Amino acid sequence: MTDNTIKFTVPSDDTDKMRRILRNVFDALSEKGYNPINQIVGYLLTEDPTYITNYNGARSMICKLDRDELLQELVQCYLNDSNK
């Protein structure tokens, strides 16, 4: 093991895929009458897929994403938007 910090970058293909999946999950939760932000946050905090509806395959889609990478991308987007 090395004492150097390892640099990690999310490839842009993964970012686009995450965005599409997150949008589909958001839409499915909205259509079923849930508060999509609350439900997605619940999933991200607990990794419990029951926060996400099965409607339109939303649960299986979000489970395909790496939660850590998704959180990293969300933080990055938030920080980029707050600098505008």
PDB file of N, CA and C in Angstrom:
ATOM      1  N   MET A   1       0.847  -1.172   0.000  1.00  0.00           N
ATOM      2  CA  MET A   1       0.000   0.000   0.000  1.00  0.00           C
ATOM      3  C   MET A   1       0.896   1.240   0.000  1.00  0.00           C
ATOM      4  N   THR A   2       0.423   2.274  -0.626  1.00  0.00           N
ATOM      5  CA  THR A   2       1.175   3.513  -0.744  1.00  0.00           C
ATOM      6  C   THR A   2       0.544   4.616   0.093  1.00  0.00           C
ATOM      7  N   ASP A   3       1.341   5.587   0.480  1.00  0.00           N
ATOM      8  CA  ASP A   3       0.829   6.726   1.239  1.00  0.00           C
ATOM      9  C   ASP A   3       0.260   7.807   0.335  1.00  0.00           C
ATOM     10  N   ASN A   4       0.437   7.646  -0.974  1.00  0.00           N
ATOM     11  CA  ASN A   4      -0.066   8.633  -1.920  1.00  0.00           C
ATOM     12  C   ASN A   4      -1.570   8.497  -2.088  1.00  0.00           C
ATOM     13  N   THR A   5      -2.218   9.622  -2.272  1.00  0.00           N
ATOM     14  CA  THR A   5      -3.654   9.626  -2.520  1.00  0.00           C
ATOM     15  C   THR A   5      -3.917   9.206  -3.952  1.00  0.00           C
ATOM     16  N   ILE A   6      -4.871   8.313  -4.133  1.00  0.00           N
ATOM     17  CA  ILE A   6      -5.246   7.847  -5.465  1.00  0.00           C
ATOM     18  C   ILE A   6      -6.328   8.767  -6.008  1.00  0.00           C
ATOM     19  N   LYS A   7      -6.149   9.208  -7.230  1.00  0.00           N
ATOM     20  CA  LYS A   7      -7.109  10.100  -7.867  1.00  0.00           C
ATOM     21  C   LYS A   7      -8.162   9.273  -8.606  1.00  0.00           C
ATOM     22  N   PHE A   8      -9.422   9.648  -8.426  1.00  0.00           N
ATOM     23  CA  PHE A   8     -10.526   8.933  -9.061  1.00  0.00           C
ATOM     24  C   PHE A   8     -11.354   9.923  -9.869  1.00  0.00           C
ATOM     25  N   THR A   9     -11.667   9.555 -11.102  1.00  0.00           N
ATOM     26  CA  THR A   9     -12.504  10.374 -11.964  1.00  0.00           C
ATOM     27  C   THR A   9     -13.613   9.509 -12.545  1.00  0.00           C
ATOM     28  N   VAL A  10     -14.843   9.997 -12.461  1.00  0.00           N
ATOM     29  CA  VAL A  10     -15.982   9.287 -13.042  1.00  0.00           C
ATOM     30  C   VAL A  10     -15.999   9.565 -14.535  1.00  0.00           C
ATOM     31  N   PRO A  11     -15.966   8.521 -15.370  1.00  0.00           N
ATOM     32  CA  PRO A  11     -16.028   8.739 -16.819  1.00  0.00           C
ATOM     33  C   PRO A  11     -17.344   9.403 -17.218  1.00  0.00           C
ATOM     34  N   SER A  12     -17.316  10.213 -18.270  1.00  0.00           N
ATOM     35  CA  SER A  12     -18.512  10.954 -18.674  1.00  0.00           C
ATOM     36  C   SER A  12     -19.651  10.036 -19.112  1.00  0.00           C
ATOM     37  N   ASP A  13     -19.338   8.875 -19.675  1.00  0.00           N
ATOM     38  CA  ASP A  13     -20.399   7.933 -20.045  1.00  0.00           C
ATOM     39  C   ASP A  13     -21.195   7.529 -18.818  1.00  0.00           C
ATOM     40  N   ASP A  14     -20.480   7.299 -17.720  1.00  0.00           N
ATOM     41  CA  ASP A  14     -21.156   6.920 -16.483  1.00  0.00           C
ATOM     42  C   ASP A  14     -22.016   8.063 -15.966  1.00  0.00           C
ATOM     43  N   THR A  15     -21.539   9.280 -16.118  1.00  0.00           N
ATOM     44  CA  THR A  15     -22.296  10.447 -15.667  1.00  0.00           C
ATOM     45  C   THR A  15     -23.601  10.559 -16.447  1.00  0.00           C
ATOM     46  N   ASP A  16     -23.543  10.393 -17.743  1.00  0.00           N
ATOM     47  CA  ASP A  16     -24.755  10.453 -18.564  1.00  0.00           C
ATOM     48  C   ASP A  16     -25.717   9.331 -18.199  1.00  0.00           C
ATOM     49  N   LYS A  17     -25.179   8.149 -17.980  1.00  0.00           N
ATOM     50  CA  LYS A  17     -26.004   7.004 -17.599  1.00  0.00           C
ATOM     51  C   LYS A  17     -26.664   7.258 -16.245  1.00  0.00           C
ATOM     52  N   MET A  18     -25.904   7.777 -15.287  1.00  0.00           N
ATOM     53  CA  MET A  18     -26.459   8.080 -13.967  1.00  0.00           C
ATOM     54  C   MET A  18     -27.575   9.115 -14.076  1.00  0.00           C
ATOM     55  N   ARG A  19     -27.350  10.127 -14.886  1.00  0.00           N
ATOM     56  CA  ARG A  19     -28.354  11.187 -15.053  1.00  0.00           C
ATOM     57  C   ARG A  19     -29.647  10.614 -15.638  1.00  0.00           C
ATOM     58  N   ARG A  20     -29.530   9.782 -16.658  1.00  0.00           N
ATOM     59  CA  ARG A  20     -30.728   9.181 -17.279  1.00  0.00           C
ATOM     60  C   ARG A  20     -31.477   8.305 -16.278  1.00  0.00           C
ATOM     61  N   ILE A  21     -30.748   7.476 -15.563  1.00  0.00           N
ATOM     62  CA  ILE A  21     -31.390   6.577 -14.593  1.00  0.00           C
ATOM     63  C   ILE A  21     -32.048   7.377 -13.482  1.00  0.00           C
ATOM     64  N   LEU A  22     -31.344   8.363 -12.952  1.00  0.00           N
ATOM     65  CA  LEU A  22     -31.900   9.171 -11.871  1.00  0.00           C
ATOM     66  C   LEU A  22     -33.155   9.905 -12.333  1.00  0.00           C
ATOM     67  N   ARG A  23     -33.152  10.405 -13.562  1.00  0.00           N
ATOM     68  CA  ARG A  23     -34.335  11.078 -14.107  1.00  0.00           C
ATOM     69  C   ARG A  23     -35.498  10.096 -14.247  1.00  0.00           C
ATOM     70  N   ASN A  24     -35.235   8.883 -14.743  1.00  0.00           N
ATOM     71  CA  ASN A  24     -36.288   7.876 -14.882  1.00  0.00           C
ATOM     72  C   ASN A  24     -36.863   7.483 -13.526  1.00  0.00           C
ATOM     73  N   VAL A  25     -35.998   7.326 -12.531  1.00  0.00           N
ATOM     74  CA  VAL A  25     -36.445   6.986 -11.178  1.00  0.00           C
ATOM     75  C   VAL A  25     -37.281   8.134 -10.614  1.00  0.00           C
ATOM     76  N   PHE A  26     -36.807   9.363 -10.782  1.00  0.00           N
ATOM     77  CA  PHE A  26     -37.539  10.545 -10.325  1.00  0.00           C
ATOM     78  C   PHE A  26     -38.938  10.573 -10.953  1.00  0.00           C
ATOM     79  N   ASP A  27     -39.008  10.360 -12.255  1.00  0.00           N
ATOM     80  CA  ASP A  27     -40.297  10.389 -12.953  1.00  0.00           C
ATOM     81  C   ASP A  27     -41.228   9.289 -12.457  1.00  0.00           C
ATOM     82  N   ALA A  28     -40.690   8.087 -12.255  1.00  0.00           N
ATOM     83  CA  ALA A  28     -41.512   6.966 -11.778  1.00  0.00           C
ATOM     84  C   ALA A  28     -42.064   7.253 -10.382  1.00  0.00           C
ATOM     85  N   LEU A  29     -41.222   7.796  -9.508  1.00  0.00           N
ATOM     86  CA  LEU A  29     -41.679   8.124  -8.157  1.00  0.00           C
ATOM     87  C   LEU A  29     -42.744   9.215  -8.196  1.00  0.00           C
ATOM     88  N   SER A  30     -42.553  10.206  -9.045  1.00  0.00           N
ATOM     89  CA  SER A  30     -43.537  11.290  -9.184  1.00  0.00           C
ATOM     90  C   SER A  30     -44.870  10.761  -9.680  1.00  0.00           C
ATOM     91  N   GLU A  31     -44.819   9.909 -10.693  1.00  0.00           N
ATOM     92  CA  GLU A  31     -46.048   9.351 -11.269  1.00  0.00           C
ATOM     93  C   GLU A  31     -46.823   8.524 -10.251  1.00  0.00           C
ATOM     94  N   LYS A  32     -46.113   7.903  -9.317  1.00  0.00           N
ATOM     95  CA  LYS A  32     -46.788   7.091  -8.302  1.00  0.00           C
ATOM     96  C   LYS A  32     -47.223   7.915  -7.093  1.00  0.00           C
ATOM     97  N   GLY A  33     -46.938   9.223  -7.115  1.00  0.00           N
ATOM     98  CA  GLY A  33     -47.408  10.100  -6.050  1.00  0.00           C
ATOM     99  C   GLY A  33     -46.457  10.268  -4.875  1.00  0.00           C
ATOM    100  N   TYR A  34     -45.244   9.773  -4.999  1.00  0.00           N
ATOM    101  CA  TYR A  34     -44.256   9.935  -3.936  1.00  0.00           C
ATOM    102  C   TYR A  34     -43.517  11.261  -4.097  1.00  0.00           C
ATOM    103  N   ASN A  35     -42.891  11.724  -3.023  1.00  0.00           N
ATOM    104  CA  ASN A  35     -41.973  12.857  -3.107  1.00  0.00           C
ATOM    105  C   ASN A  35     -40.640  12.271  -3.557  1.00  0.00           C
ATOM    106  N   PRO A  36     -40.268  12.451  -4.816  1.00  0.00           N
ATOM    107  CA  PRO A  36     -39.095  11.763  -5.357  1.00  0.00           C
ATOM    108  C   PRO A  36     -37.783  12.139  -4.669  1.00  0.00           C
ATOM    109  N   ILE A  37     -37.645  13.386  -4.261  1.00  0.00           N
ATOM    110  CA  ILE A  37     -36.412  13.801  -3.595  1.00  0.00           C
ATOM    111  C   ILE A  37     -36.258  13.048  -2.274  1.00  0.00           C
ATOM    112  N   ASN A  38     -37.321  13.035  -1.469  1.00  0.00           N
ATOM    113  CA  ASN A  38     -37.260  12.326  -0.183  1.00  0.00           C
ATOM    114  C   ASN A  38     -36.963  10.843  -0.370  1.00  0.00           C
ATOM    115  N   GLN A  39     -37.600  10.234  -1.348  1.00  0.00           N
ATOM    116  CA  GLN A  39     -37.414   8.799  -1.565  1.00  0.00           C
ATOM    117  C   GLN A  39     -35.986   8.493  -2.025  1.00  0.00           C
ATOM    118  N   ILE A  40     -35.466   9.294  -2.928  1.00  0.00           N
ATOM    119  CA  ILE A  40     -34.101   9.065  -3.426  1.00  0.00           C
ATOM    120  C   ILE A  40     -33.087   9.296  -2.314  1.00  0.00           C
ATOM    121  N   VAL A  41     -33.282  10.339  -1.514  1.00  0.00           N
ATOM    122  CA  VAL A  41     -32.388  10.581  -0.384  1.00  0.00           C
ATOM    123  C   VAL A  41     -32.446   9.409   0.590  1.00  0.00           C
ATOM    124  N   GLY A  42     -33.635   8.913   0.875  1.00  0.00           N
ATOM    125  CA  GLY A  42     -33.771   7.741   1.749  1.00  0.00           C
ATOM    126  C   GLY A  42     -32.977   6.564   1.221  1.00  0.00           C
ATOM    127  N   TYR A  43     -33.077   6.325  -0.073  1.00  0.00           N
ATOM    128  CA  TYR A  43     -32.307   5.236  -0.682  1.00  0.00           C
ATOM    129  C   TYR A  43     -30.810   5.477  -0.566  1.00  0.00           C
ATOM    130  N   LEU A  44     -30.368   6.697  -0.870  1.00  0.00           N
ATOM    131  CA  LEU A  44     -28.939   6.998  -0.835  1.00  0.00           C
ATOM    132  C   LEU A  44     -28.362   6.868   0.578  1.00  0.00           C
ATOM    133  N   LEU A  45     -29.135   7.270   1.582  1.00  0.00           N
ATOM    134  CA  LEU A  45     -28.643   7.189   2.958  1.00  0.00           C
ATOM    135  C   LEU A  45     -28.598   5.766   3.494  1.00  0.00           C
ATOM    136  N   THR A  46     -29.563   4.948   3.093  1.00  0.00           N
ATOM    137  CA  THR A  46     -29.690   3.612   3.685  1.00  0.00           C
ATOM    138  C   THR A  46     -29.293   2.475   2.746  1.00  0.00           C
ATOM    139  N   GLU A  47     -29.296   2.737   1.462  1.00  0.00           N
ATOM    140  CA  GLU A  47     -29.125   1.728   0.417  1.00  0.00           C
ATOM    141  C   GLU A  47     -30.226   0.668   0.472  1.00  0.00           C
ATOM    142  N   ASP A  48     -31.371   1.056   1.027  1.00  0.00           N
ATOM    143  CA  ASP A  48     -32.533   0.179   1.085  1.00  0.00           C
ATOM    144  C   ASP A  48     -33.381   0.431  -0.160  1.00  0.00           C
ATOM    145  N   PRO A  49     -33.433  -0.531  -1.079  1.00  0.00           N
ATOM    146  CA  PRO A  49     -34.136  -0.312  -2.350  1.00  0.00           C
ATOM    147  C   PRO A  49     -35.639  -0.142  -2.207  1.00  0.00           C
ATOM    148  N   THR A  50     -36.211  -0.464  -1.036  1.00  0.00           N
ATOM    149  CA  THR A  50     -37.661  -0.310  -0.892  1.00  0.00           C
ATOM    150  C   THR A  50     -38.096   1.148  -0.846  1.00  0.00           C
ATOM    151  N   TYR A  51     -37.147   2.085  -0.776  1.00  0.00           N
ATOM    152  CA  TYR A  51     -37.491   3.497  -0.905  1.00  0.00           C
ATOM    153  C   TYR A  51     -37.883   3.842  -2.342  1.00  0.00           C
ATOM    154  N   ILE A  52     -37.537   2.979  -3.275  1.00  0.00           N
ATOM    155  CA  ILE A  52     -37.776   3.238  -4.697  1.00  0.00           C
ATOM    156  C   ILE A  52     -38.863   2.288  -5.206  1.00  0.00           C
ATOM    157  N   THR A  53     -39.819   2.836  -5.913  1.00  0.00           N
ATOM    158  CA  THR A  53     -40.914   2.031  -6.452  1.00  0.00           C
ATOM    159  C   THR A  53     -40.409   1.052  -7.524  1.00  0.00           C
ATOM    160  N   ASN A  54     -41.140  -0.038  -7.673  1.00  0.00           N
ATOM    161  CA  ASN A  54     -40.861  -0.977  -8.766  1.00  0.00           C
ATOM    162  C   ASN A  54     -41.440  -0.481 -10.092  1.00  0.00           C
ATOM    163  N   TYR A  55     -42.303   0.515 -10.017  1.00  0.00           N
ATOM    164  CA  TYR A  55     -42.990   1.044 -11.192  1.00  0.00           C
ATOM    165  C   TYR A  55     -41.988   1.420 -12.288  1.00  0.00           C
ATOM    166  N   ASN A  56     -42.262   0.973 -13.498  1.00  0.00           N
ATOM    167  CA  ASN A  56     -41.410   1.228 -14.673  1.00  0.00           C
ATOM    168  C   ASN A  56     -39.964   0.764 -14.486  1.00  0.00           C
ATOM    169  N   GLY A  57     -39.748  -0.193 -13.609  1.00  0.00           N
ATOM    170  CA  GLY A  57     -38.408  -0.750 -13.401  1.00  0.00           C
ATOM    171  C   GLY A  57     -37.458   0.180 -12.660  1.00  0.00           C
ATOM    172  N   ALA A  58     -38.013   1.172 -11.955  1.00  0.00           N
ATOM    173  CA  ALA A  58     -37.175   2.177 -11.291  1.00  0.00           C
ATOM    174  C   ALA A  58     -36.243   1.554 -10.254  1.00  0.00           C
ATOM    175  N   ARG A  59     -36.741   0.622  -9.472  1.00  0.00           N
ATOM    176  CA  ARG A  59     -35.912   0.020  -8.420  1.00  0.00           C
ATOM    177  C   ARG A  59     -34.733  -0.740  -9.006  1.00  0.00           C
ATOM    178  N   SER A  60     -34.978  -1.512 -10.028  1.00  0.00           N
ATOM    179  CA  SER A  60     -33.870  -2.275 -10.617  1.00  0.00           C
ATOM    180  C   SER A  60     -32.868  -1.350 -11.306  1.00  0.00           C
ATOM    181  N   MET A  61     -33.361  -0.233 -11.866  1.00  0.00           N
ATOM    182  CA  MET A  61     -32.446   0.718 -12.512  1.00  0.00           C
ATOM    183  C   MET A  61     -31.509   1.359 -11.496  1.00  0.00           C
ATOM    184  N   ILE A  62     -32.069   1.844 -10.385  1.00  0.00           N
ATOM    185  CA  ILE A  62     -31.229   2.560  -9.429  1.00  0.00           C
ATOM    186  C   ILE A  62     -30.250   1.617  -8.732  1.00  0.00           C
ATOM    187  N   CYS A  63     -30.633   0.352  -8.612  1.00  0.00           N
ATOM    188  CA  CYS A  63     -29.740  -0.630  -7.980  1.00  0.00           C
ATOM    189  C   CYS A  63     -28.532  -0.951  -8.861  1.00  0.00           C
ATOM    190  N   LYS A  64     -28.600  -0.626 -10.140  1.00  0.00           N
ATOM    191  CA  LYS A  64     -27.471  -0.861 -11.048  1.00  0.00           C
ATOM    192  C   LYS A  64     -26.393   0.206 -10.896  1.00  0.00           C
ATOM    193  N   LEU A  65     -26.739   1.324 -10.264  1.00  0.00           N
ATOM    194  CA  LEU A  65     -25.782   2.411 -10.084  1.00  0.00           C
ATOM    195  C   LEU A  65     -24.919   2.171  -8.860  1.00  0.00           C
ATOM    196  N   ASP A  66     -23.668   2.589  -8.952  1.00  0.00           N
ATOM    197  CA  ASP A  66     -22.798   2.582  -7.791  1.00  0.00           C
ATOM    198  C   ASP A  66     -23.170   3.795  -6.939  1.00  0.00           C
ATOM    199  N   ARG A  67     -23.639   3.526  -5.736  1.00  0.00           N
ATOM    200  CA  ARG A  67     -24.147   4.594  -4.872  1.00  0.00           C
ATOM    201  C   ARG A  67     -23.073   5.638  -4.564  1.00  0.00           C
ATOM    202  N   ASP A  68     -21.843   5.203  -4.319  1.00  0.00           N
ATOM    203  CA  ASP A  68     -20.759   6.142  -4.019  1.00  0.00           C
ATOM    204  C   ASP A  68     -20.470   7.058  -5.204  1.00  0.00           C
ATOM    205  N   GLU A  69     -20.470   6.503  -6.401  1.00  0.00           N
ATOM    206  CA  GLU A  69     -20.233   7.320  -7.598  1.00  0.00           C
ATOM    207  C   GLU A  69     -21.376   8.301  -7.816  1.00  0.00           C
ATOM    208  N   LEU A  70     -22.597   7.843  -7.559  1.00  0.00           N
ATOM    209  CA  LEU A  70     -23.757   8.726  -7.705  1.00  0.00           C
ATOM    210  C   LEU A  70     -23.667   9.883  -6.708  1.00  0.00           C
ATOM    211  N   LEU A  71     -23.331   9.586  -5.464  1.00  0.00           N
ATOM    212  CA  LEU A  71     -23.190  10.639  -4.463  1.00  0.00           C
ATOM    213  C   LEU A  71     -22.088  11.625  -4.847  1.00  0.00           C
ATOM    214  N   GLN A  72     -20.992  11.099  -5.352  1.00  0.00           N
ATOM    215  CA  GLN A  72     -19.890  11.955  -5.787  1.00  0.00           C
ATOM    216  C   GLN A  72     -20.356  12.903  -6.891  1.00  0.00           C
ATOM    217  N   GLU A  73     -21.067  12.381  -7.849  1.00  0.00           N
ATOM    218  CA  GLU A  73     -21.552  13.198  -8.957  1.00  0.00           C
ATOM    219  C   GLU A  73     -22.566  14.239  -8.486  1.00  0.00           C
ATOM    220  N   LEU A  74     -23.445  13.854  -7.570  1.00  0.00           N
ATOM    221  CA  LEU A  74     -24.427  14.801  -7.047  1.00  0.00           C
ATOM    222  C   LEU A  74     -23.752  15.950  -6.304  1.00  0.00           C
ATOM    223  N   VAL A  75     -22.755  15.637  -5.492  1.00  0.00           N
ATOM    224  CA  VAL A  75     -22.026  16.680  -4.768  1.00  0.00           C
ATOM    225  C   VAL A  75     -21.307  17.594  -5.756  1.00  0.00           C
ATOM    226  N   GLN A  76     -20.673  17.002  -6.750  1.00  0.00           N
ATOM    227  CA  GLN A  76     -19.958  17.791  -7.756  1.00  0.00           C
ATOM    228  C   GLN A  76     -20.911  18.738  -8.490  1.00  0.00           C
ATOM    229  N   CYS A  77     -22.047  18.231  -8.912  1.00  0.00           N
ATOM    230  CA  CYS A  77     -23.032  19.069  -9.607  1.00  0.00           C
ATOM    231  C   CYS A  77     -23.542  20.187  -8.695  1.00  0.00           C
ATOM    232  N   TYR A  78     -23.787  19.866  -7.450  1.00  0.00           N
ATOM    233  CA  TYR A  78     -24.268  20.871  -6.503  1.00  0.00           C
ATOM    234  C   TYR A  78     -23.232  21.972  -6.323  1.00  0.00           C
ATOM    235  N   LEU A  79     -21.986  21.600  -6.158  1.00  0.00           N
ATOM    236  CA  LEU A  79     -20.942  22.587  -5.961  1.00  0.00           C
ATOM    237  C   LEU A  79     -20.714  23.418  -7.217  1.00  0.00           C
ATOM    238  N   ASN A  80     -20.792  22.800  -8.373  1.00  0.00           N
ATOM    239  CA  ASN A  80     -20.642  23.544  -9.631  1.00  0.00           C
ATOM    240  C   ASN A  80     -21.784  24.557  -9.785  1.00  0.00           C
ATOM    241  N   ASP A  81     -23.005  24.157  -9.454  1.00  0.00           N
ATOM    242  CA  ASP A  81     -24.152  25.063  -9.567  1.00  0.00           C
ATOM    243  C   ASP A  81     -24.078  26.198  -8.557  1.00  0.00           C
ATOM    244  N   SER A  82     -23.522  25.941  -7.377  1.00  0.00           N
ATOM    245  CA  SER A  82     -23.477  26.970  -6.346  1.00  0.00           C
ATOM    246  C   SER A  82     -22.413  28.035  -6.663  1.00  0.00           C
ATOM    247  N   ASN A  83     -21.502  27.730  -7.579  1.00  0.00           N
ATOM    248  CA  ASN A  83     -20.473  28.692  -7.960  1.00  0.00           C
ATOM    249  C   ASN A  83     -20.944  29.648  -9.045  1.00  0.00           C
ATOM    250  N   LYS A  84     -22.129  29.456  -9.568  1.00  0.00           N
ATOM    251  CA  LYS A  84     -22.630  30.293 -10.663  1.00  0.00           C
ATOM    252  C   LYS A  84     -23.244  31.559 -10.130  1.00  0.00           C
TER     253      LYS A  84
END
